[in-house]
Protein backbone atom coordinates (compact mmCIF):
# COMPACT_ATOMS: atom_id res chain seq x y z
CA MET A 1 -7.85 36.77 1.55
CA ALA A 2 -7.42 35.02 -1.79
CA LEU A 3 -9.92 33.19 -3.96
CA SER A 4 -8.85 29.76 -5.07
CA ASP A 5 -10.28 28.25 -8.24
CA LEU A 6 -10.40 24.49 -7.86
CA SER A 7 -12.35 23.88 -11.17
CA VAL A 8 -11.34 21.19 -13.58
CA GLU A 9 -9.95 23.91 -15.99
CA ASN A 10 -7.30 24.67 -13.42
CA THR A 11 -6.48 20.99 -12.73
CA ILE A 12 -3.75 18.74 -14.03
CA VAL A 13 -4.17 14.99 -13.54
CA VAL A 14 -1.49 12.81 -15.05
CA ILE A 15 -1.54 8.97 -15.29
CA THR A 16 1.68 7.38 -16.67
CA GLY A 17 1.12 5.80 -19.98
CA VAL A 18 -2.00 7.84 -20.82
CA GLY A 19 -0.77 11.36 -20.05
CA VAL A 20 -2.74 14.40 -18.91
CA ILE A 21 -6.33 13.40 -18.23
CA ASP A 22 -8.72 15.94 -19.64
CA ASP A 23 -11.64 14.00 -21.25
CA TRP A 24 -13.81 14.27 -18.18
CA GLY A 25 -17.36 12.90 -18.12
CA ARG A 26 -20.51 14.37 -16.63
CA THR A 27 -20.08 13.05 -13.10
CA ASP A 28 -19.49 15.74 -10.54
CA PRO A 29 -16.84 15.70 -9.20
CA PRO A 30 -14.83 14.40 -12.20
CA PHE A 31 -12.21 12.74 -9.88
CA THR A 32 -11.72 11.85 -6.23
CA ILE A 33 -8.54 11.37 -4.27
CA GLU A 34 -8.90 9.62 -0.92
CA PRO A 35 -7.00 7.38 1.53
CA ILE A 36 -7.55 3.67 1.14
CA ASP A 37 -7.27 3.02 4.84
CA ASP A 38 -7.75 5.16 7.88
CA LYS A 39 -4.51 6.89 9.03
CA SER A 40 -5.12 5.73 12.65
CA VAL A 41 -7.32 3.23 14.37
CA LEU A 42 -8.34 3.58 18.04
CA SER A 43 -9.26 0.44 19.98
CA ARG A 44 -11.09 1.20 23.15
CA GLY A 45 -11.24 -1.32 25.99
CA LEU A 46 -14.09 -2.05 28.39
CA GLY A 47 -11.93 -0.94 31.28
CA GLY A 48 -11.51 2.59 29.97
CA ASN A 49 -8.07 2.35 28.42
CA ALA A 50 -7.30 2.50 24.76
CA VAL A 51 -4.53 1.66 22.31
CA LYS A 52 -3.93 3.18 18.87
CA PHE A 53 -2.55 1.84 15.63
CA THR A 54 -1.14 4.32 13.20
CA ARG A 55 -0.20 3.46 9.66
CA LYS A 56 2.88 4.98 8.08
CA ASN A 57 1.28 4.71 4.71
CA PRO A 58 -2.54 4.47 4.40
CA GLY A 59 -2.30 4.48 0.53
CA GLN A 60 -4.25 6.49 -1.87
CA ARG A 61 -7.30 5.83 -4.05
CA LEU A 62 -7.95 7.75 -7.23
CA THR A 63 -11.38 7.53 -8.91
CA LEU A 64 -11.62 8.97 -12.46
CA ASN A 65 -14.84 9.66 -14.36
CA LEU A 66 -14.29 9.90 -18.08
CA MET A 67 -16.41 10.20 -21.20
CA PRO A 68 -17.34 6.74 -22.38
CA GLY A 69 -15.48 5.60 -25.52
CA SER A 70 -12.90 8.35 -25.32
CA PRO A 71 -9.26 7.55 -26.21
CA GLN A 72 -8.20 8.13 -22.58
CA ALA A 73 -10.92 5.74 -21.25
CA ILE A 74 -9.79 3.11 -23.76
CA GLY A 75 -6.11 3.66 -22.72
CA LEU A 76 -7.08 3.33 -18.95
CA GLN A 77 -9.03 0.17 -19.56
CA ALA A 78 -6.13 -1.37 -21.50
CA MET A 79 -3.92 -0.59 -18.46
CA VAL A 80 -6.41 -2.32 -16.13
CA ASN A 81 -6.80 -5.30 -18.41
CA ALA A 82 -2.98 -5.69 -18.64
CA GLY A 83 -2.40 -5.32 -14.91
CA THR A 84 0.08 -2.44 -15.58
CA GLU A 85 1.76 -0.81 -12.64
CA VAL A 86 0.45 2.75 -12.51
CA SER A 87 1.80 6.06 -11.26
CA GLY A 88 0.61 9.65 -11.61
CA SER A 89 0.13 13.12 -10.11
CA TYR A 90 -2.43 15.79 -9.46
CA ALA A 91 -1.79 19.55 -9.26
CA SER A 92 -4.27 22.47 -8.79
CA ILE A 93 -2.86 25.53 -10.51
CA SER A 94 -4.43 28.15 -8.18
CA GLY A 95 -5.51 26.01 -5.23
CA LEU A 96 -2.03 25.26 -3.89
CA GLU A 97 -2.78 21.55 -3.45
CA GLY A 98 -1.59 18.41 -5.16
CA ALA A 99 -0.72 14.77 -4.90
CA VAL A 100 1.68 12.19 -6.22
CA PHE A 101 0.96 8.50 -6.65
CA ALA A 102 3.28 5.47 -7.22
CA GLU A 103 3.17 1.66 -6.98
CA GLY A 104 -0.48 1.59 -8.20
CA VAL A 105 -2.82 -0.80 -9.90
CA GLY A 106 -6.21 -0.42 -11.51
CA THR A 107 -8.63 -2.11 -9.13
CA ARG A 108 -11.78 -1.45 -11.19
CA GLY A 109 -12.16 -1.03 -14.84
CA LYS A 110 -14.86 1.08 -16.41
CA SER A 111 -18.36 0.58 -15.37
CA MET A 112 -20.86 0.56 -18.21
CA ALA A 113 -24.54 1.59 -17.93
CA ARG A 114 -25.83 1.91 -21.50
CA GLY A 115 -28.80 1.70 -23.73
CA GLY A 116 -30.47 4.96 -23.01
CA PRO A 117 -30.06 8.68 -22.56
CA GLY A 118 -28.91 8.26 -18.97
CA MET A 119 -25.66 6.37 -19.83
CA ASN A 120 -22.96 6.74 -17.17
CA ASP A 121 -19.37 7.85 -17.38
CA ALA A 122 -16.49 5.41 -17.74
CA THR A 123 -15.48 5.29 -14.09
CA PHE A 124 -12.04 3.87 -13.17
CA VAL A 125 -10.61 3.22 -9.74
CA PHE A 126 -6.83 3.00 -9.21
CA GLU A 127 -5.19 2.36 -5.80
CA PHE A 128 -1.64 3.29 -4.88
CA ASN A 129 0.69 1.82 -2.29
CA ALA A 130 2.89 5.04 -2.24
CA GLY A 131 1.07 8.36 -2.41
CA LEU A 132 0.92 11.69 -0.75
CA ALA A 133 -1.86 14.28 -1.01
CA GLN A 134 -1.37 17.80 0.29
């Protein structure tokens, strides 16, 4: 049995145009990868039968939580503002997992809760038409 280390120190997240993301904020977890849509949908009828609809491509959503005001947060916000097409990747060095993303767009720019000691991270959401997480 092996012990995998999935900590952020053993993680490489890359966004085209910004590079390796490493200026993580305080939110735990610092990033999330998830499907946009369900892989399959089951429709059950009143008579007891059912049909299924399976997507070839459910898409991928990447949520990043960065330090507010960091150069990487500013770069990602510029990409969102410009409507730039985004691609990227994720790799865990010792966890044997990863993901690739393409045909993406920033769907939400940074959120800002400021004015006190409880300020939030700069949170960004990117959605990708083509992506695969393993």
